[in-house]
């Protein structure tokens, strides 16, 4: 029995080949699944920056909306 056939080696190889839901997706849906995988890879790579930028944009839009509402309420516009 070689080292490649040992239970540990087989388990390690199996874990590395496990692809998650990609193994369950039917062939016609693979293009859509590939797009999902690209988004997931982007989020794993740039997750903190990605979330921080969108939090900042959301805060700016909410602040702008509140100021706009206040100006309309005070009839300054």
Protein backbone atom coordinates (compact mmCIF):
# COMPACT_ATOMS: atom_id res chain seq x y z
CA UNK A 1 0.00 0.00 0.00
CA UNK A 2 1.55 3.30 -1.07
CA UNK A 3 1.27 6.59 0.82
CA UNK A 4 -1.24 7.86 -1.79
CA UNK A 5 -3.66 5.06 -0.91
CA UNK A 6 -3.58 5.60 2.85
CA UNK A 7 -6.89 6.58 4.45
CA UNK A 8 -5.44 9.94 5.51
CA UNK A 9 -4.28 10.73 1.98
CA UNK A 10 -7.64 9.73 0.52
CA UNK A 11 -9.50 11.85 3.10
CA UNK A 12 -7.22 14.83 2.40
CA UNK A 13 -7.70 14.50 -1.34
CA UNK A 14 -11.46 14.16 -0.90
CA UNK A 15 -11.60 17.31 1.24
CA UNK A 16 -9.64 19.27 -1.35
CA UNK A 17 -11.95 18.15 -4.15
CA UNK A 18 -15.15 18.90 -2.26
CA UNK A 19 -16.79 21.76 -4.13
CA UNK A 20 -19.83 22.55 -2.02
CA UNK A 21 -23.07 23.15 -3.89
CA UNK A 22 -21.31 23.18 -7.25
CA UNK A 23 -21.48 19.39 -7.27
CA UNK A 24 -25.28 19.47 -6.94
CA UNK A 25 -26.07 22.12 -9.54
CA UNK A 26 -27.53 20.74 -12.80
CA UNK A 27 -25.52 21.40 -15.97
CA UNK A 28 -27.98 23.96 -17.47
CA UNK A 29 -27.61 26.15 -14.34
CA UNK A 30 -23.80 26.10 -14.29
CA UNK A 31 -23.36 29.53 -15.97
CA UNK A 32 -25.46 31.14 -13.23
CA UNK A 33 -23.63 29.16 -10.54
CA UNK A 34 -20.27 30.29 -11.95
CA UNK A 35 -21.38 33.91 -11.48
CA UNK A 36 -22.33 33.15 -7.86
CA UNK A 37 -18.90 31.58 -7.30
CA UNK A 38 -17.20 34.69 -8.73
CA UNK A 39 -19.13 36.91 -6.30
CA UNK A 40 -18.25 34.61 -3.40
CA UNK A 41 -14.55 34.65 -4.35
CA UNK A 42 -14.63 38.46 -4.57
CA UNK A 43 -16.26 38.70 -1.14
CA UNK A 44 -13.70 36.31 0.38
CA UNK A 45 -10.88 38.40 -1.07
CA UNK A 46 -12.22 41.93 -0.52
CA UNK A 47 -14.95 41.34 2.07
CA UNK A 48 -14.00 43.93 4.69
CA UNK A 49 -13.30 46.70 2.18
CA UNK A 50 -16.39 45.80 0.16
CA UNK A 51 -18.67 45.99 3.20
CA UNK A 52 -17.02 49.17 4.47
CA UNK A 53 -17.51 50.99 1.17
CA UNK A 54 -21.17 50.01 0.96
CA UNK A 55 -21.74 51.04 4.58
CA UNK A 56 -20.22 54.43 3.79
CA UNK A 57 -22.37 54.84 0.67
CA UNK A 58 -25.49 53.85 2.62
CA UNK A 59 -24.68 56.33 5.39
CA UNK A 60 -24.11 59.15 2.88
CA UNK A 61 -27.37 58.43 1.07
CA UNK A 62 -29.34 58.28 4.32
CA UNK A 63 -27.77 61.52 5.57
CA UNK A 64 -28.53 63.21 2.25
CA UNK A 65 -32.13 61.98 2.41
CA UNK A 66 -32.56 63.29 5.94
CA UNK A 67 -31.18 66.70 4.97
CA UNK A 68 -33.45 66.79 1.90
CA UNK A 69 -36.47 65.89 4.05
CA UNK A 70 -35.54 68.54 6.61
CA UNK A 71 -35.20 71.22 3.93
CA UNK A 72 -38.59 70.26 2.46
CA UNK A 73 -40.17 70.18 5.93
CA UNK A 74 -38.84 73.64 6.76
CA UNK A 75 -40.01 74.85 3.36
CA UNK A 76 -36.57 76.12 2.41
CA UNK A 77 -36.80 74.55 -1.02
